[in-house]
């Protein structure tokens, strides 16, 4: 049993080592990498803001009861996605993935221009 775990670990390490050179083949643009790092940090810290934001949006369209039921669920979902995207960007900031250090979530910040998406 232990032999299988060791072989599996070695195989996983080999796969990671083979894939790293491809990911780091592009040179790092320090300005864009810092922007990606900052964006990741901000999205981790402000991910929870999606909850009141989605409550307010849903309440405007469908009323207060929907805002405090469906809006809360939407906010938790959007907040989880924004926080996870921020964590990914924070960890992967040295690498140009996606190409050109583009944000992995749109809008890139919780209150960016055009960030409101009323529920219909």
Protein backbone atom coordinates (compact mmCIF):
# COMPACT_ATOMS: atom_id res chain seq x y z
CA UNK A 1 0.00 0.00 0.00
CA UNK A 2 2.78 2.40 0.91
CA UNK A 3 4.65 1.51 -2.28
CA UNK A 4 1.64 2.61 -4.36
CA UNK A 5 1.52 5.95 -2.55
CA UNK A 6 5.23 6.55 -3.14
CA UNK A 7 4.94 5.68 -6.85
CA UNK A 8 1.87 7.91 -7.19
CA UNK A 9 3.66 10.80 -5.49
CA UNK A 10 6.70 10.42 -7.73
CA UNK A 11 4.49 10.30 -10.82
CA UNK A 12 2.65 13.47 -9.73
CA UNK A 13 5.96 15.24 -9.07
CA UNK A 14 7.24 14.21 -12.50
CA UNK A 15 4.12 15.58 -14.20
CA UNK A 16 4.51 18.89 -12.34
CA UNK A 17 8.19 19.17 -13.22
CA UNK A 18 7.51 18.52 -16.90
CA UNK A 19 4.72 21.11 -17.07
CA UNK A 20 6.55 23.95 -15.27
CA UNK A 21 8.94 24.90 -18.11
CA UNK A 22 6.01 25.43 -20.47
CA UNK A 23 4.25 27.73 -18.03
CA UNK A 24 7.35 29.81 -17.41
CA UNK A 25 8.48 30.00 -21.03
CA UNK A 26 7.22 33.59 -21.38
CA UNK A 27 9.21 36.28 -19.64
CA UNK A 28 7.65 37.93 -16.63
CA UNK A 29 6.40 41.50 -16.97
CA UNK A 30 6.90 42.83 -13.46
CA UNK A 31 4.35 45.66 -13.79
CA UNK A 32 1.58 43.37 -15.01
CA UNK A 33 2.55 40.69 -12.49
CA UNK A 34 2.26 43.21 -9.64
CA UNK A 35 -1.14 44.31 -10.97
CA UNK A 36 -2.26 40.67 -11.01
CA UNK A 37 -0.98 40.19 -7.45
CA UNK A 38 -2.80 43.33 -6.27
CA UNK A 39 -6.02 42.33 -8.06
CA UNK A 40 -5.87 38.90 -6.43
CA UNK A 41 -5.36 40.37 -2.97
CA UNK A 42 -8.19 42.90 -3.41
CA UNK A 43 -10.59 40.21 -4.63
CA UNK A 44 -9.78 37.95 -1.67
CA UNK A 45 -10.39 40.79 0.78
CA UNK A 46 -13.55 42.13 -0.91
CA UNK A 47 -15.17 38.86 -2.02
CA UNK A 48 -17.67 39.06 0.84
CA UNK A 49 -18.96 42.39 -0.55
CA UNK A 50 -20.76 40.39 -3.24
CA UNK A 51 -23.38 39.37 -0.63
CA UNK A 52 -24.83 42.83 0.16
CA UNK A 53 -24.32 43.86 -3.46
CA UNK A 54 -26.43 40.96 -4.78
CA UNK A 55 -29.05 41.45 -2.05
CA UNK A 56 -29.46 45.06 -3.17
CA UNK A 57 -29.59 44.15 -6.89
CA UNK A 58 -32.13 41.38 -6.38
CA UNK A 59 -34.26 43.57 -4.08
CA UNK A 60 -34.44 46.30 -6.72
CA UNK A 61 -35.71 43.91 -9.38
CA UNK A 62 -37.79 41.38 -7.43
CA UNK A 63 -38.55 42.90 -4.04
CA UNK A 64 -37.18 42.70 -0.50
CA UNK A 65 -38.18 39.09 0.17
CA UNK A 66 -36.36 37.86 -2.94
CA UNK A 67 -33.40 40.04 -2.02
CA UNK A 68 -33.06 38.46 1.40
CA UNK A 69 -33.49 34.92 0.09
CA UNK A 70 -32.33 34.53 -3.50
CA UNK A 71 -30.07 37.60 -3.25
CA UNK A 72 -28.19 36.08 -0.31
CA UNK A 73 -27.65 32.85 -2.23
CA UNK A 74 -26.47 34.76 -5.31
CA UNK A 75 -24.12 36.81 -3.14
CA UNK A 76 -22.60 33.74 -1.52
CA UNK A 77 -22.05 32.17 -4.93
CA UNK A 78 -20.53 35.28 -6.51
CA UNK A 79 -18.47 35.91 -3.38
CA UNK A 80 -17.04 32.39 -3.42
CA UNK A 81 -16.15 32.71 -7.11
CA UNK A 82 -14.53 36.14 -6.63
CA UNK A 83 -12.54 34.97 -3.58
CA UNK A 84 -11.36 31.81 -5.37
CA UNK A 85 -10.36 33.82 -8.46
CA UNK A 86 -8.45 36.20 -6.19
CA UNK A 87 -6.65 33.29 -4.55
CA UNK A 88 -5.70 31.88 -7.94
CA UNK A 89 -4.34 35.24 -9.10
CA UNK A 90 -2.45 35.79 -5.85
CA UNK A 91 -0.71 32.42 -6.13
CA UNK A 92 -0.08 32.53 -9.89
CA UNK A 93 0.93 36.20 -10.22
CA UNK A 94 4.48 35.48 -11.51
CA UNK A 95 3.12 33.55 -14.48
CA UNK A 96 1.35 35.11 -17.50
CA UNK A 97 -1.64 32.81 -17.22
CA UNK A 98 -4.09 33.76 -18.72
CA UNK A 99 -1.95 35.30 -21.48
CA UNK A 100 -0.99 38.90 -20.82
CA UNK A 101 -1.90 38.67 -17.12
CA UNK A 102 -5.58 39.21 -17.98
CA UNK A 103 -8.10 38.93 -15.12
CA UNK A 104 -9.73 35.54 -14.65
CA UNK A 105 -13.06 37.08 -13.58
CA UNK A 106 -15.04 39.96 -15.04
CA UNK A 107 -15.40 42.59 -13.79
CA UNK A 108 -11.97 42.45 -12.29
CA UNK A 109 -13.05 44.20 -9.06
CA UNK A 110 -16.35 43.96 -7.17
CA UNK A 111 -17.34 47.59 -7.88
CA UNK A 112 -15.75 48.10 -11.29
CA UNK A 113 -17.62 49.90 -14.06
CA UNK A 114 -20.43 47.68 -15.31
CA UNK A 115 -20.19 45.33 -12.35
CA UNK A 116 -23.89 45.36 -11.56
CA UNK A 117 -25.87 42.55 -13.16
CA UNK A 118 -29.49 42.84 -12.09
CA UNK A 119 -31.27 39.55 -11.63
CA UNK A 120 -34.12 39.08 -14.06
